[in-house]
Amino acid sequence: MTAKPSTPERAAELEGLRARLAETEEVLRAIRNGDADAVTLSTDGVIRYANRTFARLLKTPLEHVIGAELRSFVGSADQAD
């Protein structure tokens, strides 16, 4: 049987979890606000989510980015065989 953590241990763990949550929320805010480029791909390389910053990076309207294959934005010389 494992011992239950003490109150100070629980408080330290809770503080660590709060810090991680705050950091995650900050990253998500940056992605939503376009302060960072962001893209989510399906397993077959189709872009499922992208923010406007990522679309600007590709110099393509966002509505043309989502649903496209990522490889369509990569030059053939840079694609793996």
C-alpha atoms as a PDB file:
ATOM      1  CA  MET A   1       0.000   0.000   0.000  1.00  0.00           C
ATOM      2  CA  THR A   2       1.397   3.414  -0.935  1.00  0.00           C
ATOM      3  CA  ALA A   3       1.418   6.258   1.550  1.00  0.00           C
ATOM      4  CA  LYS A   4      -0.805   9.259   0.896  1.00  0.00           C
ATOM      5  CA  PRO A   5       1.101  12.460   0.103  1.00  0.00           C
ATOM      6  CA  SER A   6       1.283  14.992   2.908  1.00  0.00           C
ATOM      7  CA  THR A   7      -0.562  18.282   2.742  1.00  0.00           C
ATOM      8  CA  PRO A   8       2.609  20.234   1.806  1.00  0.00           C
ATOM      9  CA  GLU A   9       3.322  17.698  -0.967  1.00  0.00           C
ATOM     10  CA  ARG A  10      -0.224  18.065  -2.282  1.00  0.00           C
ATOM     11  CA  ALA A  11       0.055  21.861  -2.142  1.00  0.00           C
ATOM     12  CA  ALA A  12       3.326  21.754  -4.106  1.00  0.00           C
ATOM     13  CA  GLU A  13       1.810  19.389  -6.679  1.00  0.00           C
ATOM     14  CA  LEU A  14      -1.259  21.625  -7.024  1.00  0.00           C
ATOM     15  CA  GLU A  15       0.942  24.704  -7.507  1.00  0.00           C
ATOM     16  CA  GLY A  16       2.905  22.881 -10.223  1.00  0.00           C
ATOM     17  CA  LEU A  17      -0.307  21.894 -11.994  1.00  0.00           C
ATOM     18  CA  ARG A  18      -1.568  25.478 -11.835  1.00  0.00           C
ATOM     19  CA  ALA A  19       1.669  26.731 -13.382  1.00  0.00           C
ATOM     20  CA  ARG A  20       1.437  24.171 -16.198  1.00  0.00           C
ATOM     21  CA  LEU A  21      -2.198  25.132 -16.836  1.00  0.00           C
ATOM     22  CA  ALA A  22      -1.321  28.833 -16.986  1.00  0.00           C
ATOM     23  CA  GLU A  23       1.486  28.115 -19.467  1.00  0.00           C
ATOM     24  CA  THR A  24      -0.819  26.009 -21.641  1.00  0.00           C
ATOM     25  CA  GLU A  25      -3.486  28.714 -21.610  1.00  0.00           C
ATOM     26  CA  GLU A  26      -0.870  31.288 -22.648  1.00  0.00           C
ATOM     27  CA  VAL A  27       0.211  29.135 -25.600  1.00  0.00           C
ATOM     28  CA  LEU A  28      -3.388  28.607 -26.705  1.00  0.00           C
ATOM     29  CA  ARG A  29      -4.068  32.349 -26.452  1.00  0.00           C
ATOM     30  CA  ALA A  30      -1.027  33.060 -28.638  1.00  0.00           C
ATOM     31  CA  ILE A  31      -2.215  30.547 -31.235  1.00  0.00           C
ATOM     32  CA  ARG A  32      -5.760  31.933 -31.274  1.00  0.00           C
ATOM     33  CA  ASN A  33      -4.542  35.532 -31.476  1.00  0.00           C
ATOM     34  CA  GLY A  34      -2.166  34.727 -34.316  1.00  0.00           C
ATOM     35  CA  ASP A  35       0.942  35.492 -32.260  1.00  0.00           C
ATOM     36  CA  ALA A  36       2.238  32.062 -33.271  1.00  0.00           C
ATOM     37  CA  ASP A  37       1.726  30.008 -36.388  1.00  0.00           C
ATOM     38  CA  ALA A  38      -0.277  26.861 -35.792  1.00  0.00           C
ATOM     39  CA  VAL A  39      -1.379  23.889 -37.821  1.00  0.00           C
ATOM     40  CA  THR A  40      -2.959  20.517 -37.050  1.00  0.00           C
ATOM     41  CA  LEU A  41      -2.679  17.634 -39.491  1.00  0.00           C
ATOM     42  CA  SER A  42      -4.566  14.402 -39.945  1.00  0.00           C
ATOM     43  CA  THR A  43      -2.542  11.197 -40.101  1.00  0.00           C
ATOM     44  CA  ASP A  44      -2.567  11.395 -43.905  1.00  0.00           C
ATOM     45  CA  GLY A  45      -1.173  14.945 -43.999  1.00  0.00           C
ATOM     46  CA  VAL A  46      -4.396  16.886 -44.551  1.00  0.00           C
ATOM     47  CA  ILE A  47      -4.536  20.224 -42.743  1.00  0.00           C
ATOM     48  CA  ARG A  48      -7.420  20.035 -40.267  1.00  0.00           C
ATOM     49  CA  TYR A  49      -6.758  23.333 -38.459  1.00  0.00           C
ATOM     50  CA  ALA A  50      -4.577  26.339 -39.184  1.00  0.00           C
ATOM     51  CA  ASN A  51      -4.661  29.874 -37.913  1.00  0.00           C
ATOM     52  CA  ARG A  52      -4.353  33.004 -40.060  1.00  0.00           C
ATOM     53  CA  THR A  53      -0.687  33.448 -39.156  1.00  0.00           C
ATOM     54  CA  PHE A  54       0.097  30.035 -40.650  1.00  0.00           C
ATOM     55  CA  ALA A  55      -1.933  30.890 -43.769  1.00  0.00           C
ATOM     56  CA  ARG A  56       0.006  34.160 -44.163  1.00  0.00           C
ATOM     57  CA  LEU A  57       3.244  32.191 -43.855  1.00  0.00           C
ATOM     58  CA  LEU A  58       2.067  30.115 -46.824  1.00  0.00           C
ATOM     59  CA  LYS A  59       0.804  33.254 -48.622  1.00  0.00           C
ATOM     60  CA  THR A  60      -2.520  31.464 -49.115  1.00  0.00           C
ATOM     61  CA  PRO A  61      -6.040  32.359 -47.935  1.00  0.00           C
ATOM     62  CA  LEU A  62      -6.973  30.407 -44.816  1.00  0.00           C
ATOM     63  CA  GLU A  63      -9.996  28.900 -46.558  1.00  0.00           C
ATOM     64  CA  HIS A  64      -7.620  27.308 -49.109  1.00  0.00           C
ATOM     65  CA  VAL A  65      -5.253  26.007 -46.440  1.00  0.00           C
ATOM     66  CA  ILE A  66      -7.726  24.046 -44.332  1.00  0.00           C
ATOM     67  CA  GLY A  67      -8.532  20.756 -46.029  1.00  0.00           C
ATOM     68  CA  ALA A  68      -5.469  20.873 -48.294  1.00  0.00           C
ATOM     69  CA  GLU A  69      -2.594  18.416 -48.106  1.00  0.00           C
ATOM     70  CA  LEU A  70       0.443  19.927 -46.423  1.00  0.00           C
ATOM     71  CA  ARG A  71       2.676  18.501 -49.142  1.00  0.00           C
ATOM     72  CA  SER A  72       0.940  20.755 -51.675  1.00  0.00           C
ATOM     73  CA  PHE A  73       2.731  23.682 -49.993  1.00  0.00           C
ATOM     74  CA  VAL A  74       6.141  21.995 -50.016  1.00  0.00           C
ATOM     75  CA  GLY A  75       8.334  22.157 -53.114  1.00  0.00           C
ATOM     76  CA  SER A  76       8.982  18.782 -54.774  1.00  0.00           C
ATOM     77  CA  ALA A  77      12.726  19.134 -54.148  1.00  0.00           C
ATOM     78  CA  ASP A  78      12.014  19.348 -50.396  1.00  0.00           C
ATOM     79  CA  GLN A  79       9.639  16.386 -50.221  1.00  0.00           C
ATOM     80  CA  ALA A  80      10.811  12.969 -49.032  1.00  0.00           C
ATOM     81  CA  ASP A  81      10.908  10.258 -51.665  1.00  0.00           C
END
